[in-house]
Amino acid sequence: MDVEYLHHGVPLADYQLTKADGQRQDEAAQVHEWVQRQLAKAPPWSEERWERMRQSWGSVRSPV
């Protein structure tokens, strides 16, 4: 079965970012940085905790 895709250009090609768009992007970057700092402070998980996560989620691997 052949599929033909139609191209209608870039929908937002002419969109100009507003100040609000820039502020939302800055806020998202700040939230990301805050989360990274909080994660850096968190103690590492024990192997027992990773094992419980593997059992409840499937096959989650320990990052170490």
PDB file of N, CA and C in Angstrom:
ATOM      1  N   MET A   1       0.843  -1.175   0.000  1.00  0.00           N
ATOM      2  CA  MET A   1       0.000   0.000   0.000  1.00  0.00           C
ATOM      3  C   MET A   1       0.888   1.238   0.000  1.00  0.00           C
ATOM      4  N   ASP A   2       0.740   2.082  -0.986  1.00  0.00           N
ATOM      5  CA  ASP A   2       1.504   3.323  -1.065  1.00  0.00           C
ATOM      6  C   ASP A   2       0.776   4.426  -0.299  1.00  0.00           C
ATOM      7  N   VAL A   3       1.554   5.189   0.452  1.00  0.00           N
ATOM      8  CA  VAL A   3       0.985   6.300   1.206  1.00  0.00           C
ATOM      9  C   VAL A   3       1.562   7.582   0.641  1.00  0.00           C
ATOM     10  N   GLU A   4       0.712   8.541   0.362  1.00  0.00           N
ATOM     11  CA  GLU A   4       1.167   9.822  -0.160  1.00  0.00           C
ATOM     12  C   GLU A   4       0.947  10.881   0.916  1.00  0.00           C
ATOM     13  N   TYR A   5       2.017  11.569   1.283  1.00  0.00           N
ATOM     14  CA  TYR A   5       1.933  12.616   2.286  1.00  0.00           C
ATOM     15  C   TYR A   5       1.882  13.965   1.583  1.00  0.00           C
ATOM     16  N   LEU A   6       0.980  14.805   2.032  1.00  0.00           N
ATOM     17  CA  LEU A   6       0.865  16.137   1.466  1.00  0.00           C
ATOM     18  C   LEU A   6       1.603  17.122   2.357  1.00  0.00           C
ATOM     19  N   HIS A   7       2.328  18.035   1.749  1.00  0.00           N
ATOM     20  CA  HIS A   7       3.090  19.031   2.492  1.00  0.00           C
ATOM     21  C   HIS A   7       2.385  20.374   2.347  1.00  0.00           C
ATOM     22  N   HIS A   8       2.077  20.989   3.455  1.00  0.00           N
ATOM     23  CA  HIS A   8       1.360  22.259   3.433  1.00  0.00           C
ATOM     24  C   HIS A   8       2.226  23.403   3.952  1.00  0.00           C
ATOM     25  N   GLY A   9       3.523  23.262   3.875  1.00  0.00           N
ATOM     26  CA  GLY A   9       4.415  24.313   4.368  1.00  0.00           C
ATOM     27  C   GLY A   9       4.623  24.207   5.866  1.00  0.00           C
ATOM     28  N   VAL A  10       5.284  25.187   6.414  1.00  0.00           N
ATOM     29  CA  VAL A  10       5.552  25.241   7.845  1.00  0.00           C
ATOM     30  C   VAL A  10       4.457  26.085   8.487  1.00  0.00           C
ATOM     31  N   PRO A  11       3.606  25.475   9.319  1.00  0.00           N
ATOM     32  CA  PRO A  11       2.439  26.186   9.841  1.00  0.00           C
ATOM     33  C   PRO A  11       2.762  27.478  10.586  1.00  0.00           C
ATOM     34  N   LEU A  12       3.847  27.499  11.345  1.00  0.00           N
ATOM     35  CA  LEU A  12       4.153  28.684  12.147  1.00  0.00           C
ATOM     36  C   LEU A  12       5.358  29.448  11.615  1.00  0.00           C
ATOM     37  N   ALA A  13       5.643  29.331  10.339  1.00  0.00           N
ATOM     38  CA  ALA A  13       6.827  29.967   9.758  1.00  0.00           C
ATOM     39  C   ALA A  13       6.816  31.475   9.954  1.00  0.00           C
ATOM     40  N   ASP A  14       5.652  32.105   9.894  1.00  0.00           N
ATOM     41  CA  ASP A  14       5.565  33.558  10.013  1.00  0.00           C
ATOM     42  C   ASP A  14       5.288  34.034  11.431  1.00  0.00           C
ATOM     43  N   TYR A  15       5.203  33.106  12.382  1.00  0.00           N
ATOM     44  CA  TYR A  15       4.878  33.473  13.765  1.00  0.00           C
ATOM     45  C   TYR A  15       6.053  34.190  14.396  1.00  0.00           C
ATOM     46  N   GLN A  16       5.803  35.309  15.000  1.00  0.00           N
ATOM     47  CA  GLN A  16       6.830  36.063  15.715  1.00  0.00           C
ATOM     48  C   GLN A  16       6.658  35.829  17.214  1.00  0.00           C
ATOM     49  N   LEU A  17       7.742  35.445  17.870  1.00  0.00           N
ATOM     50  CA  LEU A  17       7.662  35.217  19.307  1.00  0.00           C
ATOM     51  C   LEU A  17       7.334  36.513  20.030  1.00  0.00           C
ATOM     52  N   THR A  18       6.480  36.399  21.035  1.00  0.00           N
ATOM     53  CA  THR A  18       6.114  37.561  21.833  1.00  0.00           C
ATOM     54  C   THR A  18       6.947  37.575  23.113  1.00  0.00           C
ATOM     55  N   LYS A  19       6.833  38.660  23.867  1.00  0.00           N
ATOM     56  CA  LYS A  19       7.513  38.730  25.159  1.00  0.00           C
ATOM     57  C   LYS A  19       7.029  37.611  26.071  1.00  0.00           C
ATOM     58  N   ALA A  20       5.730  37.328  26.022  1.00  0.00           N
ATOM     59  CA  ALA A  20       5.159  36.260  26.865  1.00  0.00           C
ATOM     60  C   ALA A  20       5.757  34.904  26.495  1.00  0.00           C
ATOM     61  N   ASP A  21       5.977  34.675  25.195  1.00  0.00           N
ATOM     62  CA  ASP A  21       6.614  33.420  24.768  1.00  0.00           C
ATOM     63  C   ASP A  21       8.007  33.308  25.370  1.00  0.00           C
ATOM     64  N   GLY A  22       8.756  34.392  25.295  1.00  0.00           N
ATOM     65  CA  GLY A  22      10.109  34.407  25.851  1.00  0.00           C
ATOM     66  C   GLY A  22      10.102  34.190  27.349  1.00  0.00           C
ATOM     67  N   GLN A  23       9.129  34.802  28.046  1.00  0.00           N
ATOM     68  CA  GLN A  23       9.034  34.629  29.494  1.00  0.00           C
ATOM     69  C   GLN A  23       8.713  33.179  29.847  1.00  0.00           C
ATOM     70  N   ARG A  24       7.810  32.554  29.093  1.00  0.00           N
ATOM     71  CA  ARG A  24       7.483  31.146  29.356  1.00  0.00           C
ATOM     72  C   ARG A  24       8.703  30.249  29.125  1.00  0.00           C
ATOM     73  N   GLN A  25       9.476  30.556  28.096  1.00  0.00           N
ATOM     74  CA  GLN A  25      10.679  29.768  27.835  1.00  0.00           C
ATOM     75  C   GLN A  25      11.684  29.943  28.976  1.00  0.00           C
ATOM     76  N   ASP A  26      11.843  31.188  29.453  1.00  0.00           N
ATOM     77  CA  ASP A  26      12.757  31.447  30.572  1.00  0.00           C
ATOM     78  C   ASP A  26      12.294  30.718  31.829  1.00  0.00           C
ATOM     79  N   GLU A  27      10.985  30.768  32.108  1.00  0.00           N
ATOM     80  CA  GLU A  27      10.448  30.083  33.281  1.00  0.00           C
ATOM     81  C   GLU A  27      10.656  28.578  33.184  1.00  0.00           C
ATOM     82  N   ALA A  28      10.452  28.021  32.006  1.00  0.00           N
ATOM     83  CA  ALA A  28      10.657  26.580  31.828  1.00  0.00           C
ATOM     84  C   ALA A  28      12.120  26.218  32.068  1.00  0.00           C
ATOM     85  N   ALA A  29      13.036  27.052  31.603  1.00  0.00           N
ATOM     86  CA  ALA A  29      14.467  26.802  31.810  1.00  0.00           C
ATOM     87  C   ALA A  29      14.802  26.902  33.297  1.00  0.00           C
ATOM     88  N   GLN A  30      14.209  27.864  33.996  1.00  0.00           N
ATOM     89  CA  GLN A  30      14.456  28.005  35.431  1.00  0.00           C
ATOM     90  C   GLN A  30      13.922  26.803  36.207  1.00  0.00           C
ATOM     91  N   VAL A  31      12.751  26.315  35.835  1.00  0.00           N
ATOM     92  CA  VAL A  31      12.184  25.131  36.494  1.00  0.00           C
ATOM     93  C   VAL A  31      13.105  23.937  36.261  1.00  0.00           C
ATOM     94  N   HIS A  32      13.577  23.777  35.025  1.00  0.00           N
ATOM     95  CA  HIS A  32      14.472  22.664  34.701  1.00  0.00           C
ATOM     96  C   HIS A  32      15.740  22.740  35.554  1.00  0.00           C
ATOM     97  N   GLU A  33      16.327  23.920  35.651  1.00  0.00           N
ATOM     98  CA  GLU A  33      17.541  24.077  36.452  1.00  0.00           C
ATOM     99  C   GLU A  33      17.285  23.782  37.923  1.00  0.00           C
ATOM    100  N   TRP A  34      16.127  24.238  38.451  1.00  0.00           N
ATOM    101  CA  TRP A  34      15.786  23.984  39.842  1.00  0.00           C
ATOM    102  C   TRP A  34      15.666  22.484  40.094  1.00  0.00           C
ATOM    103  N   VAL A  35      14.982  21.790  39.204  1.00  0.00           N
ATOM    104  CA  VAL A  35      14.808  20.336  39.354  1.00  0.00           C
ATOM    105  C   VAL A  35      16.169  19.650  39.332  1.00  0.00           C
ATOM    106  N   GLN A  36      17.051  20.069  38.421  1.00  0.00           N
ATOM    107  CA  GLN A  36      18.380  19.456  38.358  1.00  0.00           C
ATOM    108  C   GLN A  36      19.151  19.678  39.657  1.00  0.00           C
ATOM    109  N   ARG A  37      19.046  20.889  40.246  1.00  0.00           N
ATOM    110  CA  ARG A  37      19.732  21.160  41.524  1.00  0.00           C
ATOM    111  C   ARG A  37      19.163  20.280  42.638  1.00  0.00           C
ATOM    112  N   GLN A  38      17.834  20.111  42.664  1.00  0.00           N
ATOM    113  CA  GLN A  38      17.213  19.279  43.704  1.00  0.00           C
ATOM    114  C   GLN A  38      17.640  17.828  43.552  1.00  0.00           C
ATOM    115  N   LEU A  39      17.687  17.350  42.320  1.00  0.00           N
ATOM    116  CA  LEU A  39      18.116  15.967  42.089  1.00  0.00           C
ATOM    117  C   LEU A  39      19.563  15.756  42.492  1.00  0.00           C
ATOM    118  N   ALA A  40      20.400  16.765  42.283  1.00  0.00           N
ATOM    119  CA  ALA A  40      21.813  16.645  42.651  1.00  0.00           C
ATOM    120  C   ALA A  40      21.972  16.524  44.163  1.00  0.00           C
ATOM    121  N   LYS A  41      21.050  17.097  44.925  1.00  0.00           N
ATOM    122  CA  LYS A  41      21.109  17.042  46.390  1.00  0.00           C
ATOM    123  C   LYS A  41      20.572  15.716  46.948  1.00  0.00           C
ATOM    124  N   ALA A  42      19.760  15.034  46.172  1.00  0.00           N
ATOM    125  CA  ALA A  42      19.099  13.823  46.664  1.00  0.00           C
ATOM    126  C   ALA A  42      20.115  12.703  46.879  1.00  0.00           C
ATOM    127  N   PRO A  43      19.930  11.925  47.936  1.00  0.00           N
ATOM    128  CA  PRO A  43      20.845  10.799  48.160  1.00  0.00           C
ATOM    129  C   PRO A  43      20.620   9.724  47.100  1.00  0.00           C
ATOM    130  N   PRO A  44      21.649   8.982  46.776  1.00  0.00           N
ATOM    131  CA  PRO A  44      21.486   7.911  45.779  1.00  0.00           C
ATOM    132  C   PRO A  44      20.580   6.813  46.331  1.00  0.00           C
ATOM    133  N   TRP A  45      19.910   6.136  45.417  1.00  0.00           N
ATOM    134  CA  TRP A  45      19.032   5.040  45.802  1.00  0.00           C
ATOM    135  C   TRP A  45      19.845   3.787  46.090  1.00  0.00           C
ATOM    136  N   SER A  46      19.378   3.028  47.062  1.00  0.00           N
ATOM    137  CA  SER A  46      20.013   1.748  47.363  1.00  0.00           C
ATOM    138  C   SER A  46      19.608   0.733  46.288  1.00  0.00           C
ATOM    139  N   GLU A  47      20.370  -0.336  46.207  1.00  0.00           N
ATOM    140  CA  GLU A  47      20.046  -1.399  45.248  1.00  0.00           C
ATOM    141  C   GLU A  47      18.681  -2.004  45.569  1.00  0.00           C
ATOM    142  N   GLU A  48      18.342  -2.085  46.851  1.00  0.00           N
ATOM    143  CA  GLU A  48      17.033  -2.616  47.255  1.00  0.00           C
ATOM    144  C   GLU A  48      15.898  -1.740  46.713  1.00  0.00           C
ATOM    145  N   ARG A  49      16.078  -0.446  46.775  1.00  0.00           N
ATOM    146  CA  ARG A  49      15.042   0.461  46.255  1.00  0.00           C
ATOM    147  C   ARG A  49      14.911   0.330  44.740  1.00  0.00           C
ATOM    148  N   TRP A  50      16.058   0.224  44.040  1.00  0.00           N
ATOM    149  CA  TRP A  50      16.011   0.017  42.590  1.00  0.00           C
ATOM    150  C   TRP A  50      15.281  -1.281  42.248  1.00  0.00           C
ATOM    151  N   GLU A  51      15.529  -2.303  43.048  1.00  0.00           N
ATOM    152  CA  GLU A  51      14.878  -3.591  42.805  1.00  0.00           C
ATOM    153  C   GLU A  51      13.365  -3.465  42.969  1.00  0.00           C
ATOM    154  N   ARG A  52      12.920  -2.747  43.986  1.00  0.00           N
ATOM    155  CA  ARG A  52      11.473  -2.536  44.165  1.00  0.00           C
ATOM    156  C   ARG A  52      10.892  -1.787  42.966  1.00  0.00           C
ATOM    157  N   MET A  53      11.633  -0.814  42.443  1.00  0.00           N
ATOM    158  CA  MET A  53      11.158  -0.067  41.272  1.00  0.00           C
ATOM    159  C   MET A  53      11.107  -0.977  40.047  1.00  0.00           C
ATOM    160  N   ARG A  54      12.116  -1.809  39.880  1.00  0.00           N
ATOM    161  CA  ARG A  54      12.126  -2.742  38.745  1.00  0.00           C
ATOM    162  C   ARG A  54      10.903  -3.653  38.797  1.00  0.00           C
ATOM    163  N   GLN A  55      10.576  -4.105  39.991  1.00  0.00           N
ATOM    164  CA  GLN A  55       9.426  -4.996  40.144  1.00  0.00           C
ATOM    165  C   GLN A  55       8.111  -4.278  39.855  1.00  0.00           C
ATOM    166  N   SER A  56       8.002  -3.027  40.273  1.00  0.00           N
ATOM    167  CA  SER A  56       6.733  -2.326  40.083  1.00  0.00           C
ATOM    168  C   SER A  56       6.597  -1.703  38.692  1.00  0.00           C
ATOM    169  N   TRP A  57       7.701  -1.327  38.042  1.00  0.00           N
ATOM    170  CA  TRP A  57       7.639  -0.675  36.725  1.00  0.00           C
ATOM    171  C   TRP A  57       8.010  -1.593  35.582  1.00  0.00           C
ATOM    172  N   GLY A  58       8.573  -2.711  35.863  1.00  0.00           N
ATOM    173  CA  GLY A  58       9.044  -3.567  34.788  1.00  0.00           C
ATOM    174  C   GLY A  58      10.548  -3.701  34.858  1.00  0.00           C
ATOM    175  N   SER A  59      11.241  -3.188  33.857  1.00  0.00           N
ATOM    176  CA  SER A  59      12.709  -3.364  33.830  1.00  0.00           C
ATOM    177  C   SER A  59      13.425  -2.018  33.861  1.00  0.00           C
ATOM    178  N   VAL A  60      13.280  -1.283  34.958  1.00  0.00           N
ATOM    179  CA  VAL A  60      14.013  -0.040  35.130  1.00  0.00           C
ATOM    180  C   VAL A  60      15.420  -0.375  35.596  1.00  0.00           C
ATOM    181  N   ARG A  61      16.404   0.193  34.927  1.00  0.00           N
ATOM    182  CA  ARG A  61      17.793  -0.121  35.290  1.00  0.00           C
ATOM    183  C   ARG A  61      18.379   0.957  36.189  1.00  0.00           C
ATOM    184  N   SER A  62      19.227   0.560  37.099  1.00  0.00           N
ATOM    185  CA  SER A  62      19.938   1.493  37.945  1.00  0.00           C
ATOM    186  C   SER A  62      20.940   2.280  37.094  1.00  0.00           C
ATOM    187  N   PRO A  63      21.094   3.594  37.328  1.00  0.00           N
ATOM    188  CA  PRO A  63      22.018   4.385  36.530  1.00  0.00           C
ATOM    189  C   PRO A  63      23.478   4.125  36.848  1.00  0.00           C
ATOM    190  N   VAL A  64      23.746   3.363  37.900  1.00  0.00           N
ATOM    191  CA  VAL A  64      25.145   3.066  38.263  1.00  0.00           C
ATOM    192  C   VAL A  64      25.560   1.694  37.816  1.00  0.00           C
TER     193      VAL A  64
END
